[in-house]
Amino acid sequence: MVETQTQKAPLFSTDKKPALEAISMAQFIAFAPYVFQASIILRDSNILNLVEQNRQGSAVADLAKQVNMSEYAVRVLLEAGLGIGLVFRNEDKFFLAKTGHFFLNDPMTRINTDFMRDVCYDGAQDLEASLKEGRPAGLRHLGDWSTIYQGLSIMKDPAKTSWFDFDHYYSDNAFPVAMPLIFSQPTKKVMDIGANTGKFTLACLGYDSDVEIGLVDLQVQLNVAKQIVADAGYSDRAKFFAVDMLDEKSDLPTGYDVIWMSQFLDCFAEHQVISILGKCHRALGPDGRVFINETFWDRQRFEASAFSLQMTSLYFTTMANGNSQMYAYELFSKLIDQAGFEVVNITDNVGLSHTILELRKK
């Protein structure tokens, strides 16, 4: 097996925080809802932007006039921002701190924040019910669906925009690395399972002028993807298959050299992952290959990346389907084995935080 792993020590294997830092972190957790809300208001009211622009420091009274808020409102927000770490104060003037800079300007942080606010925040109160009942109890705040995937193309904004921004920001970064891996061998037909809006399909069709793509997803998603593929002028090389991957009686189309799944299997429980991989096993010929693009939290270089993935698992619990997660590779590799595949190549550090696995039949 070929493997590109740069992580040297297991994440979260020791308790590194000194006692005083641990106490501070405990308080941060206790007040987390206000930390989140105050930070967003500071960002979206333009206060942080104005503080960043004024290198000489910003006074509360001046900021209040510029953002059309009372001095009281600006003051309590900025004082909260001191404890959060977004700003610091010197001689009654406020300056943007490093954390404030990244919260304001880092694209990934902005996308994560909007996703939490627009998709997850209201439903987070139903986490306990979701865990106990094995269903996304928080989804009621977005729509009347059994899983979020049934409502993606018809979800109301801003949740719809924030969901797709979140999904595409992470997955699209993997495509430039994936193309040479997939086409390192003669490949005539690629199946894209969980095709979503067809972005991977477009990347493949643009990369190889002869390849044919089979898009597999729920019909509600294929309706969107079909139009996008047509608008790009690729309809002659694309076929669309409406398949409910959770239907035990459903089968995948055959005759494909490669199956691709990006940020797809994390949407399912362990037994469902095994079942889906079983469908792939039956659909592929003896020389067929499966490529899985996922964000395994235990293969991250930094704890901050792993933390983001662990928190995203709670989105799956409360909002998506109630039984899936951002898996640890340690667990996921066992599911691959049970489905009759072996991992022959691992490419870590793809895009922002992804790993691409190449599988073959055992």
Protein backbone atom coordinates (compact mmCIF):
# COMPACT_ATOMS: atom_id res chain seq x y z
CA MET A 1 0.00 0.00 0.00
CA VAL A 2 1.24 3.48 -0.90
CA GLU A 3 0.65 6.01 1.86
CA THR A 4 1.42 9.73 2.25
CA GLN A 5 1.01 10.39 5.96
CA THR A 6 2.74 13.36 7.60
CA GLN A 7 1.19 13.16 11.06
CA LYS A 8 3.84 11.90 13.50
CA ALA A 9 1.95 11.53 16.78
CA PRO A 10 -1.69 10.63 17.51
CA LEU A 11 -3.92 13.63 18.08
CA PHE A 12 -5.44 14.20 21.52
CA SER A 13 -3.20 11.59 23.13
CA THR A 14 -2.19 13.78 26.09
CA ASP A 15 -3.71 16.52 28.27
CA LYS A 16 -1.43 19.44 27.43
CA LYS A 17 -3.35 22.36 28.97
CA PRO A 18 -2.04 23.83 32.22
CA ALA A 19 -4.65 24.25 34.97
CA LEU A 20 -5.23 27.98 34.49
CA GLU A 21 -5.75 27.56 30.76
CA ALA A 22 -8.10 24.65 31.43
CA ILE A 23 -10.19 26.79 33.79
CA SER A 24 -10.42 29.52 31.16
CA MET A 25 -11.48 27.01 28.54
CA ALA A 26 -14.17 25.66 30.83
CA GLN A 27 -15.62 29.18 31.20
CA PHE A 28 -15.43 29.66 27.44
CA ILE A 29 -17.57 26.54 27.02
CA ALA A 30 -20.04 27.72 29.65
CA PHE A 31 -20.69 30.98 27.81
CA ALA A 32 -20.31 29.55 24.28
CA PRO A 33 -23.75 30.60 22.95
CA TYR A 34 -23.06 34.25 23.77
CA VAL A 35 -19.51 33.94 22.43
CA PHE A 36 -20.95 32.83 19.11
CA GLN A 37 -23.74 35.38 18.87
CA ALA A 38 -21.62 38.35 19.96
CA SER A 39 -18.86 37.42 17.52
CA ILE A 40 -21.26 37.27 14.58
CA ILE A 41 -22.82 40.62 15.47
CA LEU A 42 -19.40 42.21 15.77
CA ARG A 43 -18.58 40.86 12.32
CA ASP A 44 -21.84 41.56 10.52
CA SER A 45 -22.49 44.99 12.07
CA ASN A 46 -19.18 46.15 10.55
CA ILE A 47 -17.64 46.90 13.96
CA LEU A 48 -14.68 44.56 13.49
CA ASN A 49 -14.08 45.88 10.00
CA LEU A 50 -14.00 49.47 11.22
CA VAL A 51 -11.66 48.55 14.07
CA GLU A 52 -9.35 46.85 11.59
CA GLN A 53 -9.27 49.91 9.32
CA ASN A 54 -8.37 52.34 12.11
CA ARG A 55 -4.77 51.55 13.01
CA GLN A 56 -4.81 54.30 15.65
CA GLY A 57 -7.52 52.55 17.62
CA SER A 58 -11.30 52.99 17.70
CA ALA A 59 -13.36 54.64 20.44
CA VAL A 60 -16.80 53.34 21.39
CA ALA A 61 -18.51 56.67 20.70
CA ASP A 62 -17.05 56.93 17.20
CA LEU A 63 -17.96 53.37 16.33
CA ALA A 64 -21.51 53.83 17.60
CA LYS A 65 -22.06 56.69 15.16
CA GLN A 66 -20.60 54.74 12.23
CA VAL A 67 -22.68 51.61 12.74
CA ASN A 68 -25.87 53.34 13.88
CA MET A 69 -26.00 51.57 17.25
CA SER A 70 -26.11 52.95 20.78
CA GLU A 71 -22.88 53.41 22.68
CA TYR A 72 -24.18 50.87 25.18
CA ALA A 73 -24.65 48.24 22.45
CA VAL A 74 -21.20 48.81 20.97
CA ARG A 75 -19.57 48.86 24.39
CA VAL A 76 -21.00 45.56 25.64
CA LEU A 77 -20.19 43.88 22.34
CA LEU A 78 -16.59 45.10 22.33
CA GLU A 79 -16.09 44.22 25.99
CA ALA A 80 -17.33 40.74 25.17
CA GLY A 81 -14.91 40.77 22.26
CA LEU A 82 -12.06 41.40 24.71
CA GLY A 83 -12.72 38.17 26.59
CA ILE A 84 -13.38 36.25 23.38
CA GLY A 85 -10.05 37.46 22.01
CA LEU A 86 -11.35 39.27 18.94
CA VAL A 87 -10.07 42.68 20.06
CA PHE A 88 -7.73 44.22 22.63
CA ARG A 89 -7.87 47.64 24.33
CA ASN A 90 -5.27 50.32 24.97
CA GLU A 91 -6.13 53.71 26.53
CA ASP A 92 -9.87 53.24 25.94
CA LYS A 93 -9.41 52.46 22.27
CA PHE A 94 -9.98 49.11 20.65
CA PHE A 95 -7.71 47.28 18.21
CA LEU A 96 -8.22 44.11 16.20
CA ALA A 97 -6.52 41.04 17.69
CA LYS A 98 -5.09 38.16 15.65
CA THR A 99 -8.15 36.02 16.35
CA GLY A 100 -10.35 38.91 15.24
CA HIS A 101 -8.38 39.20 12.01
CA PHE A 102 -8.92 35.55 11.12
CA PHE A 103 -12.55 35.55 12.23
CA LEU A 104 -13.14 38.54 9.96
CA ASN A 105 -11.01 37.65 6.94
CA ASP A 106 -10.34 33.91 6.76
CA PRO A 107 -12.67 32.35 4.12
CA MET A 108 -12.85 28.97 5.86
CA THR A 109 -13.78 30.57 9.18
CA ARG A 110 -16.47 32.69 7.55
CA ILE A 111 -17.98 29.70 5.76
CA ASN A 112 -17.92 27.58 8.93
CA THR A 113 -19.51 30.40 10.93
CA ASP A 114 -22.30 30.98 8.41
CA PHE A 115 -22.95 27.23 8.23
CA MET A 116 -23.27 27.00 12.01
CA ARG A 117 -25.52 30.06 12.22
CA ASP A 118 -27.82 29.33 9.26
CA VAL A 119 -27.95 25.54 9.28
CA CYS A 120 -27.03 24.22 12.73
CA TYR A 121 -27.53 26.76 15.52
CA ASP A 122 -31.27 26.45 16.15
CA GLY A 123 -31.15 22.68 15.88
CA ALA A 124 -28.25 22.35 18.32
CA GLN A 125 -30.73 22.52 21.19
CA ASP A 126 -32.04 19.13 20.02
CA LEU A 127 -28.70 17.36 20.24
CA GLU A 128 -29.68 15.24 23.25
CA ALA A 129 -32.95 14.16 21.63
CA SER A 130 -31.11 13.31 18.41
CA LEU A 131 -28.59 11.16 20.27
CA LYS A 132 -31.27 9.30 22.20
CA GLU A 133 -33.64 8.81 19.28
CA GLY A 134 -31.14 8.22 16.46
CA ARG A 135 -32.75 10.80 14.22
CA PRO A 136 -32.01 14.44 13.29
CA ALA A 137 -34.40 16.03 15.77
CA GLY A 138 -33.02 19.50 15.04
CA LEU A 139 -33.96 19.31 11.36
CA ARG A 140 -37.45 20.52 12.26
CA HIS A 141 -36.02 24.04 12.27
CA LEU A 142 -35.27 23.81 8.54
CA GLY A 143 -38.01 21.66 7.07
CA ASP A 144 -40.26 18.63 7.34
CA TRP A 145 -37.90 15.95 5.98
CA SER A 146 -36.60 12.73 7.48
CA THR A 147 -33.05 13.67 6.41
CA ILE A 148 -31.56 16.95 5.24
CA TYR A 149 -30.61 15.46 1.86
CA GLN A 150 -34.23 15.34 0.76
CA GLY A 151 -34.45 19.10 1.19
CA LEU A 152 -31.12 20.42 -0.07
CA SER A 153 -32.31 21.73 -3.41
CA ILE A 154 -35.52 23.20 -1.98
CA MET A 155 -34.23 24.49 1.36
CA LYS A 156 -34.84 28.16 2.01
CA ASP A 157 -32.05 30.71 2.16
CA PRO A 158 -29.83 31.57 3.94
CA ALA A 159 -29.57 27.91 5.03
CA LYS A 160 -29.43 26.62 1.45
CA THR A 161 -26.63 28.94 0.38
CA SER A 162 -24.62 28.36 3.55
CA TRP A 163 -24.96 24.57 3.24
CA PHE A 164 -23.72 24.46 -0.36
CA ASP A 165 -20.96 26.99 0.34
CA PHE A 166 -19.78 24.76 3.18
CA ASP A 167 -19.95 21.57 1.14
CA HIS A 168 -18.27 22.94 -1.99
CA TYR A 169 -15.54 24.87 -0.18
CA TYR A 170 -14.12 21.67 1.25
CA SER A 171 -14.78 19.16 -1.54
CA ASP A 172 -13.78 21.25 -4.58
CA ASN A 173 -10.24 21.71 -3.29
CA ALA A 174 -9.62 17.99 -3.69
CA PHE A 175 -10.42 17.79 -7.40
CA PRO A 176 -7.02 18.91 -8.80
CA VAL A 177 -5.30 16.14 -6.80
CA ALA A 178 -7.97 13.56 -7.60
CA MET A 179 -7.81 13.87 -11.40
CA PRO A 180 -4.24 12.50 -11.88
CA LEU A 181 -4.97 9.69 -9.42
CA ILE A 182 -8.13 8.61 -11.21
CA PHE A 183 -6.70 8.90 -14.71
CA SER A 184 -3.31 7.37 -13.91
CA GLN A 185 -4.70 4.28 -15.66
CA PRO A 186 -6.88 4.10 -18.79
CA THR A 187 -10.33 5.11 -17.60
CA LYS A 188 -13.31 5.29 -19.95
CA LYS A 189 -16.22 5.46 -17.53
CA VAL A 190 -16.46 7.01 -14.05
CA MET A 191 -19.42 6.71 -11.68
CA ASP A 192 -19.96 9.69 -9.38
CA ILE A 193 -22.03 8.51 -6.40
CA GLY A 194 -23.56 11.34 -4.41
CA ALA A 195 -23.14 13.61 -7.42
CA ASN A 196 -24.86 16.54 -5.74
CA THR A 197 -24.78 19.52 -8.13
CA GLY A 198 -22.30 17.84 -10.49
CA LYS A 199 -19.13 19.75 -9.68
CA PHE A 200 -16.91 16.66 -9.67
CA THR A 201 -18.57 15.50 -12.87
CA LEU A 202 -17.71 18.80 -14.56
CA ALA A 203 -14.12 18.52 -13.34
CA CYS A 204 -13.79 15.02 -14.83
CA LEU A 205 -15.44 15.90 -18.13
CA GLY A 206 -13.17 18.92 -18.46
CA TYR A 207 -10.05 16.95 -17.55
CA ASP A 208 -10.56 14.10 -20.04
CA SER A 209 -12.33 14.78 -23.33
CA ASP A 210 -13.34 11.13 -23.83
CA VAL A 211 -14.49 10.01 -20.40
CA GLU A 212 -18.16 9.27 -19.71
CA ILE A 213 -19.68 9.98 -16.31
CA GLY A 214 -22.59 8.28 -14.59
CA LEU A 215 -24.16 10.49 -11.92
CA VAL A 216 -25.89 8.68 -9.05
CA ASP A 217 -28.02 10.49 -6.50
CA LEU A 218 -31.58 11.08 -5.36
CA GLN A 219 -33.82 12.42 -8.11
CA VAL A 220 -34.26 15.79 -6.40
CA GLN A 221 -30.50 16.33 -6.63
CA LEU A 222 -30.16 14.95 -10.15
CA ASN A 223 -32.68 17.49 -11.40
CA VAL A 224 -30.24 20.24 -10.47
CA ALA A 225 -27.13 18.42 -11.68
CA LYS A 226 -28.68 17.56 -15.04
CA GLN A 227 -29.34 21.21 -15.82
CA ILE A 228 -25.84 22.26 -14.72
CA VAL A 229 -24.21 19.57 -16.88
CA ALA A 230 -26.39 20.56 -19.84
CA ASP A 231 -25.50 24.24 -19.43
CA ALA A 232 -21.82 23.26 -19.55
CA GLY A 233 -22.35 21.42 -22.84
CA TYR A 234 -21.57 17.91 -21.57
CA SER A 235 -24.95 16.16 -21.81
CA ASP A 236 -23.68 13.75 -24.46
CA ARG A 237 -21.13 12.27 -22.03
CA ALA A 238 -23.28 12.10 -18.91
CA LYS A 239 -25.91 9.65 -17.73
CA PHE A 240 -28.12 10.08 -14.68
CA PHE A 241 -29.22 7.32 -12.33
CA ALA A 242 -31.75 8.00 -9.57
CA VAL A 243 -30.77 5.55 -6.83
CA ASP A 244 -31.67 5.51 -3.17
CA MET A 245 -28.47 4.09 -1.72
CA LEU A 246 -30.30 3.15 1.50
CA ASP A 247 -32.75 0.94 -0.37
CA GLU A 248 -31.38 -2.58 0.15
CA LYS A 249 -33.01 -3.69 -3.11
CA SER A 250 -31.36 -1.00 -5.22
CA ASP A 251 -28.32 -1.70 -7.39
CA LEU A 252 -25.75 0.47 -9.10
CA PRO A 253 -25.20 0.57 -12.86
CA THR A 254 -22.43 -1.71 -14.10
CA GLY A 255 -19.68 -1.28 -16.68
CA TYR A 256 -17.77 1.51 -14.93
CA ASP A 257 -14.01 1.48 -14.43
CA VAL A 258 -13.97 3.82 -11.43
CA ILE A 259 -16.40 4.74 -8.68
CA TRP A 260 -15.89 8.12 -6.96
CA MET A 261 -17.47 9.16 -3.66
CA SER A 262 -16.59 12.54 -2.16
CA GLN A 263 -17.83 13.55 1.28
CA PHE A 264 -20.56 10.99 0.75
CA LEU A 265 -20.00 8.03 3.04
CA ASP A 266 -19.73 10.30 6.07
CA CYS A 267 -23.46 10.83 5.54
CA PHE A 268 -24.26 7.29 6.63
CA ALA A 269 -24.11 5.03 9.68
CA GLU A 270 -21.52 2.25 9.89
CA HIS A 271 -23.80 -0.54 8.67
CA GLN A 272 -24.99 1.67 5.83
CA VAL A 273 -21.41 2.41 4.76
CA ILE A 274 -20.78 -1.34 4.54
CA SER A 275 -23.98 -1.80 2.52
CA ILE A 276 -23.10 1.00 0.06
CA LEU A 277 -19.59 -0.32 -0.42
CA GLY A 278 -21.17 -3.73 -1.00
CA LYS A 279 -23.20 -2.27 -3.85
CA CYS A 280 -19.97 -0.85 -5.28
CA HIS A 281 -18.30 -4.25 -4.94
CA ARG A 282 -21.08 -5.93 -6.94
CA ALA A 283 -21.13 -3.24 -9.64
CA LEU A 284 -17.38 -3.24 -10.36
CA GLY A 285 -15.40 -5.64 -12.49
CA PRO A 286 -12.31 -7.40 -11.10
CA ASP A 287 -10.02 -4.51 -12.11
CA GLY A 288 -12.35 -1.73 -11.00
CA ARG A 289 -11.23 0.94 -8.58
CA VAL A 290 -13.03 2.95 -5.90
CA PHE A 291 -11.83 6.39 -4.81
CA ILE A 292 -13.15 7.79 -1.54
CA ASN A 293 -12.52 11.42 -0.63
CA GLU A 294 -13.13 12.01 3.08
CA THR A 295 -11.98 14.11 6.03
CA PHE A 296 -10.81 11.66 8.68
CA TRP A 297 -10.27 13.52 11.92
CA ASP A 298 -7.49 11.19 13.09
CA ARG A 299 -5.44 11.85 9.94
CA GLN A 300 -5.29 15.63 10.37
CA ARG A 301 -2.01 17.44 10.91
CA PHE A 302 -3.42 19.87 13.48
CA GLU A 303 -5.84 19.54 16.39
CA ALA A 304 -7.78 22.59 15.15
CA SER A 305 -8.66 20.72 11.95
CA ALA A 306 -9.63 17.62 13.88
CA PHE A 307 -11.77 19.73 16.22
CA SER A 308 -13.71 21.23 13.31
CA LEU A 309 -14.47 17.74 12.01
CA GLN A 310 -15.52 16.46 15.41
CA MET A 311 -17.94 19.36 15.76
CA THR A 312 -19.24 18.72 12.24
CA SER A 313 -20.16 15.22 13.38
CA LEU A 314 -22.72 16.84 15.69
CA TYR A 315 -24.29 18.50 12.63
CA PHE A 316 -24.84 15.02 11.20
CA THR A 317 -26.39 14.00 14.51
CA THR A 318 -28.83 16.88 14.90
CA MET A 319 -29.49 18.12 11.35
CA ALA A 320 -28.52 15.57 8.69
CA ASN A 321 -29.68 12.07 9.58
CA GLY A 322 -29.00 11.32 13.23
CA ASN A 323 -26.56 8.43 12.77
CA SER A 324 -23.51 9.47 10.74
CA GLN A 325 -20.32 11.38 11.41
CA MET A 326 -16.91 12.55 10.22
CA TYR A 327 -15.23 9.22 10.80
CA ALA A 328 -11.86 8.33 12.24
CA TYR A 329 -9.86 6.35 9.69
CA GLU A 330 -9.18 3.76 12.38
CA LEU A 331 -12.89 2.88 12.36
CA PHE A 332 -13.58 3.53 8.68
CA SER A 333 -10.84 1.16 7.47
CA LYS A 334 -12.60 -1.70 9.27
CA LEU A 335 -15.81 -0.97 7.34
CA ILE A 336 -13.86 -1.07 4.06
CA ASP A 337 -12.46 -4.47 4.98
CA GLN A 338 -15.88 -5.84 5.90
CA ALA A 339 -17.23 -4.76 2.51
CA GLY A 340 -14.63 -6.83 0.67
CA PHE A 341 -12.19 -4.09 -0.34
CA GLU A 342 -8.61 -3.31 0.54
CA VAL A 343 -6.95 0.10 0.60
CA VAL A 344 -4.11 0.19 -1.95
CA ASN A 345 -3.26 3.89 -1.84
CA ILE A 346 -3.72 6.69 0.70
CA THR A 347 -3.14 10.32 -0.23
CA ASP A 348 -3.30 12.64 2.79
CA ASN A 349 -3.34 16.43 3.08
CA VAL A 350 -5.49 16.91 -0.02
CA GLY A 351 -6.98 20.37 -0.37
CA LEU A 352 -7.80 21.67 3.09
CA SER A 353 -8.11 18.50 5.17
CA HIS A 354 -9.02 15.56 2.96
CA THR A 355 -7.67 12.07 2.41
CA ILE A 356 -8.23 10.20 -0.86
CA LEU A 357 -8.38 6.42 -0.52
CA GLU A 358 -7.99 4.10 -3.48
CA LEU A 359 -9.68 0.72 -3.03
CA ARG A 360 -9.60 -2.52 -4.95
CA LYS A 361 -11.44 -5.77 -4.44
CA LYS A 362 -9.69 -8.23 -2.15
